[in-house]
């Protein structure tokens, strides 16, 4: 008796590895394109700070840690907030808000994150569909169950 794992397990692992390793690079490219397209560039510091830091994964690419980095003020650009209002201001800036939200980060990140999550769910599910057991097919089991 035993459990047989279809050869698609290695194919599933290889597909996960390829997809996950490309994720950081793809996010960096997308973010840089968005920063340029939305003109979130003053000195170029934010654009040049966007990097894929690391990808740690177990041998099967089932437990993953991905990291990206960029200058923190990029989040304020994404949200349309920042140095327009002095610290300690009670909220009345006595004029219309000038700063505009430039969503270079959040929309693409969350969409890509959910795509990664759906890919992993589908890929791992397909891998486990390839598992079979021969316990019900052996003569030994049949003789033990029905003497």
C-alpha atoms as a PDB file:
ATOM      1  CA  UNK A   1       0.000   0.000   0.000  1.00  0.00           C
ATOM      2  CA  UNK A   2       1.160   3.500  -0.643  1.00  0.00           C
ATOM      3  CA  UNK A   3       0.455   6.911  -2.000  1.00  0.00           C
ATOM      4  CA  UNK A   4       1.595   7.822  -5.479  1.00  0.00           C
ATOM      5  CA  UNK A   5       2.281  11.397  -6.419  1.00  0.00           C
ATOM      6  CA  UNK A   6       1.899  12.178 -10.089  1.00  0.00           C
ATOM      7  CA  UNK A   7       4.899  13.633 -11.927  1.00  0.00           C
ATOM      8  CA  UNK A   8       2.924  16.869 -12.200  1.00  0.00           C
ATOM      9  CA  UNK A   9       4.156  17.661  -8.662  1.00  0.00           C
ATOM     10  CA  UNK A  10       7.575  18.647  -9.999  1.00  0.00           C
ATOM     11  CA  UNK A  11       5.944  20.582 -12.831  1.00  0.00           C
ATOM     12  CA  UNK A  12       3.715  22.398 -10.308  1.00  0.00           C
ATOM     13  CA  UNK A  13       6.719  23.257  -8.126  1.00  0.00           C
ATOM     14  CA  UNK A  14       8.677  24.535 -11.119  1.00  0.00           C
ATOM     15  CA  UNK A  15       5.715  26.643 -12.214  1.00  0.00           C
ATOM     16  CA  UNK A  16       5.377  28.121  -8.686  1.00  0.00           C
ATOM     17  CA  UNK A  17       9.082  28.855  -8.504  1.00  0.00           C
ATOM     18  CA  UNK A  18       9.076  30.630 -11.869  1.00  0.00           C
ATOM     19  CA  UNK A  19       5.977  32.701 -11.047  1.00  0.00           C
ATOM     20  CA  UNK A  20       7.139  33.702  -7.558  1.00  0.00           C
ATOM     21  CA  UNK A  21      10.693  34.606  -8.582  1.00  0.00           C
ATOM     22  CA  UNK A  22       9.305  36.833 -11.339  1.00  0.00           C
ATOM     23  CA  UNK A  23       6.908  38.600  -8.931  1.00  0.00           C
ATOM     24  CA  UNK A  24       9.448  40.974  -7.339  1.00  0.00           C
ATOM     25  CA  UNK A  25      11.010  41.922 -10.681  1.00  0.00           C
ATOM     26  CA  UNK A  26       7.610  42.482 -12.240  1.00  0.00           C
ATOM     27  CA  UNK A  27       6.425  44.664  -9.348  1.00  0.00           C
ATOM     28  CA  UNK A  28       9.557  46.815  -9.595  1.00  0.00           C
ATOM     29  CA  UNK A  29       9.041  47.278 -13.358  1.00  0.00           C
ATOM     30  CA  UNK A  30       5.349  48.123 -12.929  1.00  0.00           C
ATOM     31  CA  UNK A  31       6.035  50.618 -10.141  1.00  0.00           C
ATOM     32  CA  UNK A  32       8.781  52.362 -12.092  1.00  0.00           C
ATOM     33  CA  UNK A  33       6.507  52.605 -15.136  1.00  0.00           C
ATOM     34  CA  UNK A  34       3.683  54.042 -13.001  1.00  0.00           C
ATOM     35  CA  UNK A  35       5.987  56.551 -11.287  1.00  0.00           C
ATOM     36  CA  UNK A  36       7.155  57.749 -14.697  1.00  0.00           C
ATOM     37  CA  UNK A  37       3.677  57.724 -16.272  1.00  0.00           C
ATOM     38  CA  UNK A  38       2.056  59.637 -13.398  1.00  0.00           C
ATOM     39  CA  UNK A  39       5.035  62.015 -13.134  1.00  0.00           C
ATOM     40  CA  UNK A  40       5.720  61.221  -9.486  1.00  0.00           C
ATOM     41  CA  UNK A  41       9.238  62.469 -10.124  1.00  0.00           C
ATOM     42  CA  UNK A  42      10.845  65.520  -8.602  1.00  0.00           C
ATOM     43  CA  UNK A  43      14.471  64.531  -8.091  1.00  0.00           C
ATOM     44  CA  UNK A  44      14.298  60.879  -9.204  1.00  0.00           C
ATOM     45  CA  UNK A  45      15.020  59.603  -5.697  1.00  0.00           C
ATOM     46  CA  UNK A  46      11.751  57.670  -5.417  1.00  0.00           C
ATOM     47  CA  UNK A  47      12.120  56.171  -8.889  1.00  0.00           C
ATOM     48  CA  UNK A  48      15.668  55.006  -8.155  1.00  0.00           C
ATOM     49  CA  UNK A  49      14.761  53.644  -4.708  1.00  0.00           C
ATOM     50  CA  UNK A  50      12.304  51.000  -5.943  1.00  0.00           C
ATOM     51  CA  UNK A  51      13.929  47.543  -5.670  1.00  0.00           C
ATOM     52  CA  UNK A  52      12.994  43.913  -5.123  1.00  0.00           C
ATOM     53  CA  UNK A  53      14.848  43.083  -1.925  1.00  0.00           C
ATOM     54  CA  UNK A  54      14.521  39.363  -1.397  1.00  0.00           C
ATOM     55  CA  UNK A  55      12.612  36.179  -2.097  1.00  0.00           C
ATOM     56  CA  UNK A  56      12.869  33.418   0.492  1.00  0.00           C
ATOM     57  CA  UNK A  57      11.013  30.171  -0.093  1.00  0.00           C
ATOM     58  CA  UNK A  58      11.021  26.652   1.237  1.00  0.00           C
ATOM     59  CA  UNK A  59      12.061  23.906  -1.175  1.00  0.00           C
ATOM     60  CA  UNK A  60       8.532  23.428  -2.478  1.00  0.00           C
ATOM     61  CA  UNK A  61       7.679  27.134  -2.833  1.00  0.00           C
ATOM     62  CA  UNK A  62       4.699  26.691  -0.524  1.00  0.00           C
ATOM     63  CA  UNK A  63       5.984  29.030   2.189  1.00  0.00           C
ATOM     64  CA  UNK A  64       7.224  32.280   0.679  1.00  0.00           C
ATOM     65  CA  UNK A  65       8.557  35.632   1.843  1.00  0.00           C
ATOM     66  CA  UNK A  66       8.845  38.389  -0.762  1.00  0.00           C
ATOM     67  CA  UNK A  67      10.159  41.882  -0.035  1.00  0.00           C
ATOM     68  CA  UNK A  68      10.305  45.084  -2.010  1.00  0.00           C
ATOM     69  CA  UNK A  69      11.594  48.478  -0.907  1.00  0.00           C
ATOM     70  CA  UNK A  70      11.208  52.120  -1.868  1.00  0.00           C
ATOM     71  CA  UNK A  71      11.412  55.523  -0.200  1.00  0.00           C
ATOM     72  CA  UNK A  72       8.625  55.889   2.390  1.00  0.00           C
ATOM     73  CA  UNK A  73       7.444  59.226   1.045  1.00  0.00           C
ATOM     74  CA  UNK A  74       6.293  57.334  -2.047  1.00  0.00           C
ATOM     75  CA  UNK A  75       3.319  56.132   0.011  1.00  0.00           C
ATOM     76  CA  UNK A  76       2.351  59.752   0.699  1.00  0.00           C
ATOM     77  CA  UNK A  77       2.529  60.439  -3.038  1.00  0.00           C
ATOM     78  CA  UNK A  78       0.274  57.431  -3.627  1.00  0.00           C
ATOM     79  CA  UNK A  79      -2.254  58.785  -1.116  1.00  0.00           C
ATOM     80  CA  UNK A  80      -2.017  62.424  -2.148  1.00  0.00           C
ATOM     81  CA  UNK A  81      -0.884  63.724   1.220  1.00  0.00           C
ATOM     82  CA  UNK A  82       2.346  65.214   2.466  1.00  0.00           C
ATOM     83  CA  UNK A  83       4.221  68.464   3.024  1.00  0.00           C
ATOM     84  CA  UNK A  84       1.397  70.671   1.749  1.00  0.00           C
ATOM     85  CA  UNK A  85       0.174  71.245   5.323  1.00  0.00           C
ATOM     86  CA  UNK A  86       2.533  72.195   8.141  1.00  0.00           C
ATOM     87  CA  UNK A  87       2.785  69.938  11.188  1.00  0.00           C
ATOM     88  CA  UNK A  88       0.472  70.906  14.000  1.00  0.00           C
ATOM     89  CA  UNK A  89      -2.060  72.518  11.641  1.00  0.00           C
ATOM     90  CA  UNK A  90      -5.599  71.892  12.989  1.00  0.00           C
ATOM     91  CA  UNK A  91      -6.810  71.003   9.479  1.00  0.00           C
ATOM     92  CA  UNK A  92      -7.822  74.401   8.068  1.00  0.00           C
ATOM     93  CA  UNK A  93      -5.263  75.297   5.397  1.00  0.00           C
ATOM     94  CA  UNK A  94      -7.375  78.300   4.226  1.00  0.00           C
ATOM     95  CA  UNK A  95      -7.226  77.242   0.578  1.00  0.00           C
ATOM     96  CA  UNK A  96      -8.128  74.364  -1.678  1.00  0.00           C
ATOM     97  CA  UNK A  97      -5.982  71.282  -1.464  1.00  0.00           C
ATOM     98  CA  UNK A  98      -3.323  71.333  -4.185  1.00  0.00           C
ATOM     99  CA  UNK A  99      -1.705  67.952  -3.751  1.00  0.00           C
ATOM    100  CA  UNK A 100      -3.143  65.260  -6.045  1.00  0.00           C
ATOM    101  CA  UNK A 101      -3.212  61.539  -5.395  1.00  0.00           C
ATOM    102  CA  UNK A 102      -0.856  59.693  -7.769  1.00  0.00           C
ATOM    103  CA  UNK A 103      -1.625  55.999  -7.322  1.00  0.00           C
ATOM    104  CA  UNK A 104       1.605  54.480  -8.547  1.00  0.00           C
ATOM    105  CA  UNK A 105       1.786  51.819  -5.821  1.00  0.00           C
ATOM    106  CA  UNK A 106      -1.470  50.651  -4.274  1.00  0.00           C
ATOM    107  CA  UNK A 107      -3.682  49.679  -7.211  1.00  0.00           C
ATOM    108  CA  UNK A 108      -1.104  47.561  -8.999  1.00  0.00           C
ATOM    109  CA  UNK A 109       0.263  46.052  -5.802  1.00  0.00           C
ATOM    110  CA  UNK A 110      -3.070  44.804  -4.505  1.00  0.00           C
ATOM    111  CA  UNK A 111      -4.134  43.541  -7.927  1.00  0.00           C
ATOM    112  CA  UNK A 112      -0.830  41.667  -8.318  1.00  0.00           C
ATOM    113  CA  UNK A 113      -0.993  40.317  -4.766  1.00  0.00           C
ATOM    114  CA  UNK A 114      -4.442  38.845  -5.382  1.00  0.00           C
ATOM    115  CA  UNK A 115      -3.297  37.409  -8.704  1.00  0.00           C
ATOM    116  CA  UNK A 116      -0.362  35.728  -6.924  1.00  0.00           C
ATOM    117  CA  UNK A 117      -2.713  34.346  -4.265  1.00  0.00           C
ATOM    118  CA  UNK A 118      -5.113  32.946  -6.885  1.00  0.00           C
ATOM    119  CA  UNK A 119      -2.231  31.415  -8.846  1.00  0.00           C
ATOM    120  CA  UNK A 120      -0.883  29.658  -5.739  1.00  0.00           C
ATOM    121  CA  UNK A 121      -4.309  28.323  -4.759  1.00  0.00           C
ATOM    122  CA  UNK A 122      -4.877  26.948  -8.256  1.00  0.00           C
ATOM    123  CA  UNK A 123      -1.358  25.547  -8.624  1.00  0.00           C
ATOM    124  CA  UNK A 124      -1.256  23.802  -5.239  1.00  0.00           C
ATOM    125  CA  UNK A 125      -4.781  22.468  -5.775  1.00  0.00           C
ATOM    126  CA  UNK A 126      -3.787  20.926  -9.096  1.00  0.00           C
ATOM    127  CA  UNK A 127      -0.721  19.379  -7.487  1.00  0.00           C
ATOM    128  CA  UNK A 128      -2.780  17.586  -4.864  1.00  0.00           C
ATOM    129  CA  UNK A 129      -5.271  16.375  -7.453  1.00  0.00           C
ATOM    130  CA  UNK A 130      -2.378  14.370  -8.880  1.00  0.00           C
ATOM    131  CA  UNK A 131      -2.046  12.301  -5.693  1.00  0.00           C
ATOM    132  CA  UNK A 132      -3.545   8.801  -5.658  1.00  0.00           C
ATOM    133  CA  UNK A 133      -3.652   5.921  -3.234  1.00  0.00           C
ATOM    134  CA  UNK A 134      -3.493   2.252  -4.157  1.00  0.00           C
ATOM    135  CA  UNK A 135      -4.888   1.066  -0.825  1.00  0.00           C
ATOM    136  CA  UNK A 136      -8.226   0.034  -2.332  1.00  0.00           C
ATOM    137  CA  UNK A 137      -6.657  -1.674  -5.331  1.00  0.00           C
ATOM    138  CA  UNK A 138      -4.494  -4.287  -3.624  1.00  0.00           C
ATOM    139  CA  UNK A 139      -5.502  -7.908  -3.199  1.00  0.00           C
ATOM    140  CA  UNK A 140      -4.210  -7.770   0.377  1.00  0.00           C
ATOM    141  CA  UNK A 141      -6.692  -5.034   1.305  1.00  0.00           C
ATOM    142  CA  UNK A 142      -9.570  -6.864  -0.333  1.00  0.00           C
ATOM    143  CA  UNK A 143      -8.749 -10.103   1.501  1.00  0.00           C
ATOM    144  CA  UNK A 144      -8.436  -8.276   4.854  1.00  0.00           C
ATOM    145  CA  UNK A 145     -11.684  -6.310   4.417  1.00  0.00           C
ATOM    146  CA  UNK A 146     -13.775  -9.281   3.182  1.00  0.00           C
ATOM    147  CA  UNK A 147     -12.483 -12.592   4.523  1.00  0.00           C
END
